[in-house]
Amino acid sequence: FLDASPNGVFVVDADSLRIVRANRHALAATGYSLAEIQGLPLARVAPSLTGKRLAELLDPLSRDAGAVPECDAELIGADGSALPVNLRISVSAVRGRRMWS
């Protein structure tokens, strides 16, 4: 489903907050290769999604796994450039690990 999406998609491990995977649109937007982005902390690519803001954004998921929180943010590319985006977060489980995408 990742590569079929017309939007950039990042898959983030919910426990470590590290990027596990990204589709080709996310890679093109950020300028990272898949090898470069895998394992990066989410805060490196989306520095505004940390601490209190991230907790507030994810709070609806604690009450309703089908919720799709949404916010405006900036992605920081490999070259340091900023890209304004609208993020939507969904939760899933992959091999027993909780993931956000």
N, C-alpha and C. Protein backbone atom coordinates (compact mmCIF):
# COMPACT_ATOMS: atom_id res chain seq x y z
N PHE A 1 0.81 -1.19 0.00
CA PHE A 1 0.00 0.00 0.00
C PHE A 1 0.85 1.26 0.00
N LEU A 2 2.06 1.18 0.53
CA LEU A 2 2.90 2.37 0.63
C LEU A 2 3.21 2.97 -0.74
N ASP A 3 3.71 2.16 -1.63
CA ASP A 3 4.12 2.70 -2.92
C ASP A 3 2.94 3.01 -3.83
N ALA A 4 1.77 2.46 -3.53
CA ALA A 4 0.59 2.76 -4.33
C ALA A 4 -0.02 4.11 -3.94
N SER A 5 0.32 4.62 -2.78
CA SER A 5 -0.25 5.89 -2.31
C SER A 5 0.30 7.05 -3.15
N PRO A 6 -0.56 7.98 -3.53
CA PRO A 6 -0.09 9.16 -4.26
C PRO A 6 0.55 10.19 -3.32
N ASN A 7 0.48 9.95 -2.01
CA ASN A 7 1.03 10.86 -1.01
C ASN A 7 2.30 10.28 -0.40
N GLY A 8 3.10 11.15 0.17
CA GLY A 8 4.26 10.69 0.92
C GLY A 8 3.81 9.99 2.18
N VAL A 9 4.36 8.81 2.44
CA VAL A 9 4.00 8.04 3.63
C VAL A 9 5.27 7.64 4.37
N PHE A 10 5.31 7.93 5.65
CA PHE A 10 6.37 7.47 6.54
C PHE A 10 5.75 6.45 7.48
N VAL A 11 6.47 5.39 7.79
CA VAL A 11 6.06 4.42 8.80
C VAL A 11 7.02 4.60 9.96
N VAL A 12 6.45 4.86 11.15
CA VAL A 12 7.25 5.19 12.33
C VAL A 12 6.93 4.18 13.43
N ASP A 13 7.97 3.62 14.04
CA ASP A 13 7.79 2.74 15.19
C ASP A 13 7.26 3.59 16.35
N ALA A 14 6.11 3.21 16.89
CA ALA A 14 5.45 4.02 17.92
C ALA A 14 6.23 4.04 19.22
N ASP A 15 7.04 3.04 19.49
CA ASP A 15 7.80 3.01 20.74
C ASP A 15 9.11 3.79 20.65
N SER A 16 9.85 3.59 19.58
CA SER A 16 11.15 4.24 19.46
C SER A 16 11.08 5.61 18.78
N LEU A 17 9.96 5.88 18.10
CA LEU A 17 9.77 7.11 17.31
C LEU A 17 10.83 7.25 16.21
N ARG A 18 11.22 6.10 15.67
CA ARG A 18 12.17 6.09 14.55
C ARG A 18 11.46 5.66 13.28
N ILE A 19 11.90 6.21 12.17
CA ILE A 19 11.31 5.89 10.87
C ILE A 19 11.76 4.49 10.46
N VAL A 20 10.78 3.66 10.13
CA VAL A 20 11.03 2.29 9.73
C VAL A 20 11.05 2.17 8.21
N ARG A 21 10.19 2.95 7.56
CA ARG A 21 10.05 2.86 6.10
C ARG A 21 9.46 4.16 5.59
N ALA A 22 9.66 4.45 4.33
CA ALA A 22 9.05 5.59 3.66
C ALA A 22 8.83 5.21 2.21
N ASN A 23 7.74 5.74 1.64
CA ASN A 23 7.50 5.42 0.23
C ASN A 23 8.26 6.39 -0.67
N ARG A 24 8.17 6.15 -1.97
CA ARG A 24 8.96 6.93 -2.92
C ARG A 24 8.59 8.41 -2.92
N HIS A 25 7.33 8.74 -2.64
CA HIS A 25 6.93 10.15 -2.61
C HIS A 25 7.53 10.86 -1.40
N ALA A 26 7.57 10.19 -0.26
CA ALA A 26 8.19 10.77 0.94
C ALA A 26 9.69 10.95 0.72
N LEU A 27 10.31 9.98 0.08
CA LEU A 27 11.74 10.08 -0.19
C LEU A 27 12.03 11.23 -1.15
N ALA A 28 11.23 11.36 -2.19
CA ALA A 28 11.43 12.44 -3.16
C ALA A 28 11.24 13.81 -2.50
N ALA A 29 10.26 13.92 -1.63
CA ALA A 29 9.98 15.21 -0.97
C ALA A 29 11.10 15.61 -0.02
N THR A 30 11.72 14.64 0.63
CA THR A 30 12.75 14.95 1.63
C THR A 30 14.17 14.87 1.09
N GLY A 31 14.36 14.20 -0.04
CA GLY A 31 15.70 14.07 -0.59
C GLY A 31 16.54 12.98 0.05
N TYR A 32 15.94 12.19 0.93
CA TYR A 32 16.65 11.07 1.53
C TYR A 32 16.50 9.83 0.67
N SER A 33 17.47 8.94 0.76
CA SER A 33 17.30 7.60 0.19
C SER A 33 16.65 6.75 1.28
N LEU A 34 16.12 5.60 0.90
CA LEU A 34 15.51 4.71 1.89
C LEU A 34 16.55 4.30 2.93
N ALA A 35 17.75 4.00 2.49
CA ALA A 35 18.81 3.59 3.43
C ALA A 35 19.14 4.72 4.42
N GLU A 36 19.10 5.96 3.96
CA GLU A 36 19.42 7.10 4.83
C GLU A 36 18.31 7.37 5.85
N ILE A 37 17.08 7.21 5.44
CA ILE A 37 15.97 7.61 6.31
C ILE A 37 15.59 6.52 7.32
N GLN A 38 15.82 5.26 6.97
CA GLN A 38 15.48 4.18 7.89
C GLN A 38 16.29 4.32 9.17
N GLY A 39 15.59 4.33 10.29
CA GLY A 39 16.25 4.44 11.59
C GLY A 39 16.40 5.85 12.11
N LEU A 40 16.14 6.85 11.26
CA LEU A 40 16.22 8.23 11.73
C LEU A 40 15.12 8.51 12.75
N PRO A 41 15.41 9.30 13.77
CA PRO A 41 14.35 9.71 14.69
C PRO A 41 13.34 10.59 13.95
N LEU A 42 12.07 10.42 14.25
CA LEU A 42 11.04 11.25 13.64
C LEU A 42 11.36 12.73 13.82
N ALA A 43 11.92 13.10 14.97
CA ALA A 43 12.24 14.50 15.26
C ALA A 43 13.26 15.09 14.29
N ARG A 44 14.04 14.27 13.62
CA ARG A 44 15.01 14.78 12.64
C ARG A 44 14.30 15.26 11.39
N VAL A 45 13.24 14.58 11.00
CA VAL A 45 12.51 14.92 9.78
C VAL A 45 11.32 15.84 10.07
N ALA A 46 10.73 15.71 11.25
CA ALA A 46 9.57 16.53 11.64
C ALA A 46 9.81 17.07 13.07
N PRO A 47 10.71 18.06 13.21
CA PRO A 47 11.11 18.51 14.54
C PRO A 47 9.98 19.12 15.38
N SER A 48 8.91 19.55 14.75
CA SER A 48 7.81 20.12 15.53
C SER A 48 6.95 19.04 16.18
N LEU A 49 7.14 17.78 15.80
CA LEU A 49 6.33 16.69 16.34
C LEU A 49 7.06 15.99 17.48
N THR A 50 7.28 16.72 18.54
CA THR A 50 7.93 16.16 19.72
C THR A 50 7.16 16.59 20.96
N GLY A 51 7.45 15.95 22.05
CA GLY A 51 6.93 16.35 23.35
C GLY A 51 5.43 16.53 23.40
N LYS A 52 5.03 17.67 23.95
CA LYS A 52 3.62 17.95 24.20
C LYS A 52 2.80 17.95 22.91
N ARG A 53 3.32 18.54 21.86
CA ARG A 53 2.56 18.60 20.59
C ARG A 53 2.28 17.20 20.06
N LEU A 54 3.27 16.34 20.12
CA LEU A 54 3.08 14.97 19.64
C LEU A 54 2.08 14.24 20.53
N ALA A 55 2.18 14.42 21.83
CA ALA A 55 1.25 13.77 22.76
C ALA A 55 -0.18 14.22 22.50
N GLU A 56 -0.38 15.51 22.28
CA GLU A 56 -1.73 16.03 22.00
C GLU A 56 -2.26 15.49 20.68
N LEU A 57 -1.40 15.39 19.71
CA LEU A 57 -1.81 14.89 18.39
C LEU A 57 -2.21 13.42 18.46
N LEU A 58 -1.49 12.65 19.25
CA LEU A 58 -1.74 11.22 19.32
C LEU A 58 -2.81 10.83 20.33
N ASP A 59 -3.23 11.76 21.18
CA ASP A 59 -4.21 11.46 22.22
C ASP A 59 -5.48 10.81 21.68
N PRO A 60 -6.06 11.28 20.58
CA PRO A 60 -7.28 10.62 20.08
C PRO A 60 -7.08 9.14 19.77
N LEU A 61 -5.87 8.74 19.41
CA LEU A 61 -5.60 7.33 19.11
C LEU A 61 -5.67 6.45 20.36
N SER A 62 -5.45 7.05 21.53
CA SER A 62 -5.53 6.27 22.77
C SER A 62 -6.97 5.91 23.10
N ARG A 63 -7.91 6.67 22.58
CA ARG A 63 -9.33 6.42 22.82
C ARG A 63 -10.02 5.71 21.67
N ASP A 64 -9.49 5.88 20.46
CA ASP A 64 -10.13 5.33 19.26
C ASP A 64 -9.05 4.99 18.24
N ALA A 65 -8.73 3.71 18.09
CA ALA A 65 -7.68 3.28 17.16
C ALA A 65 -8.00 3.66 15.72
N GLY A 66 -9.27 3.94 15.42
CA GLY A 66 -9.66 4.34 14.07
C GLY A 66 -9.56 5.83 13.82
N ALA A 67 -9.22 6.59 14.86
CA ALA A 67 -9.07 8.04 14.71
C ALA A 67 -7.93 8.33 13.74
N VAL A 68 -8.01 9.46 13.06
CA VAL A 68 -6.95 9.89 12.14
C VAL A 68 -6.59 11.33 12.48
N PRO A 69 -5.71 11.51 13.49
CA PRO A 69 -5.30 12.87 13.84
C PRO A 69 -4.61 13.55 12.67
N GLU A 70 -4.75 14.85 12.61
CA GLU A 70 -4.22 15.63 11.49
C GLU A 70 -3.62 16.92 12.01
N CYS A 71 -2.53 17.38 11.38
CA CYS A 71 -1.93 18.66 11.76
C CYS A 71 -1.08 19.19 10.62
N ASP A 72 -0.80 20.47 10.68
CA ASP A 72 0.15 21.08 9.75
C ASP A 72 1.52 21.02 10.42
N ALA A 73 2.54 20.76 9.64
CA ALA A 73 3.90 20.66 10.17
C ALA A 73 4.88 20.99 9.06
N GLU A 74 6.15 20.98 9.39
CA GLU A 74 7.21 21.14 8.41
C GLU A 74 8.09 19.90 8.44
N LEU A 75 8.38 19.39 7.26
CA LEU A 75 9.37 18.33 7.13
C LEU A 75 10.70 18.99 6.79
N ILE A 76 11.75 18.47 7.36
CA ILE A 76 13.09 18.98 7.07
C ILE A 76 13.79 17.96 6.18
N GLY A 77 14.16 18.41 5.00
CA GLY A 77 14.79 17.52 4.03
C GLY A 77 16.25 17.23 4.35
N ALA A 78 16.82 16.33 3.61
CA ALA A 78 18.21 15.94 3.79
C ALA A 78 19.15 17.13 3.63
N ASP A 79 18.76 18.10 2.81
CA ASP A 79 19.59 19.28 2.58
C ASP A 79 19.27 20.43 3.54
N GLY A 80 18.37 20.18 4.51
CA GLY A 80 18.02 21.20 5.49
C GLY A 80 16.85 22.08 5.09
N SER A 81 16.34 21.88 3.89
CA SER A 81 15.20 22.69 3.44
C SER A 81 13.93 22.27 4.18
N ALA A 82 13.03 23.25 4.34
CA ALA A 82 11.76 23.00 5.03
C ALA A 82 10.63 22.88 4.02
N LEU A 83 9.76 21.91 4.26
CA LEU A 83 8.62 21.66 3.38
C LEU A 83 7.35 21.64 4.21
N PRO A 84 6.45 22.62 4.03
CA PRO A 84 5.20 22.59 4.80
C PRO A 84 4.30 21.46 4.30
N VAL A 85 3.73 20.71 5.24
CA VAL A 85 2.89 19.57 4.90
C VAL A 85 1.70 19.50 5.84
N ASN A 86 0.70 18.76 5.41
CA ASN A 86 -0.42 18.40 6.27
C ASN A 86 -0.26 16.92 6.56
N LEU A 87 -0.12 16.58 7.84
CA LEU A 87 0.09 15.19 8.23
C LEU A 87 -1.19 14.57 8.76
N ARG A 88 -1.42 13.33 8.40
CA ARG A 88 -2.50 12.51 8.95
C ARG A 88 -1.86 11.26 9.50
N ILE A 89 -2.23 10.91 10.71
CA ILE A 89 -1.59 9.77 11.37
C ILE A 89 -2.59 8.66 11.59
N SER A 90 -2.21 7.46 11.18
CA SER A 90 -3.02 6.28 11.48
C SER A 90 -2.13 5.28 12.20
N VAL A 91 -2.75 4.38 12.92
CA VAL A 91 -2.01 3.39 13.70
C VAL A 91 -2.28 2.00 13.15
N SER A 92 -1.27 1.16 13.18
CA SER A 92 -1.42 -0.23 12.75
C SER A 92 -0.41 -1.07 13.50
N ALA A 93 -0.53 -2.37 13.36
CA ALA A 93 0.43 -3.29 13.96
C ALA A 93 1.11 -4.07 12.84
N VAL A 94 2.41 -4.16 12.92
CA VAL A 94 3.20 -4.90 11.94
C VAL A 94 4.09 -5.86 12.73
N ARG A 95 3.84 -7.15 12.57
CA ARG A 95 4.60 -8.18 13.27
C ARG A 95 4.65 -7.90 14.78
N GLY A 96 3.48 -7.51 15.32
CA GLY A 96 3.36 -7.29 16.75
C GLY A 96 3.88 -5.95 17.23
N ARG A 97 4.42 -5.13 16.35
CA ARG A 97 4.93 -3.80 16.72
C ARG A 97 3.90 -2.75 16.32
N ARG A 98 3.65 -1.79 17.20
CA ARG A 98 2.73 -0.70 16.91
C ARG A 98 3.45 0.32 16.04
N MET A 99 2.80 0.68 14.93
CA MET A 99 3.39 1.62 13.96
C MET A 99 2.42 2.74 13.68
N TRP A 100 2.97 3.89 13.34
CA TRP A 100 2.19 5.01 12.84
C TRP A 100 2.56 5.22 11.40
N SER A 101 1.62 5.63 10.61
CA SER A 101 1.91 6.00 9.24
C SER A 101 1.07 7.19 8.87
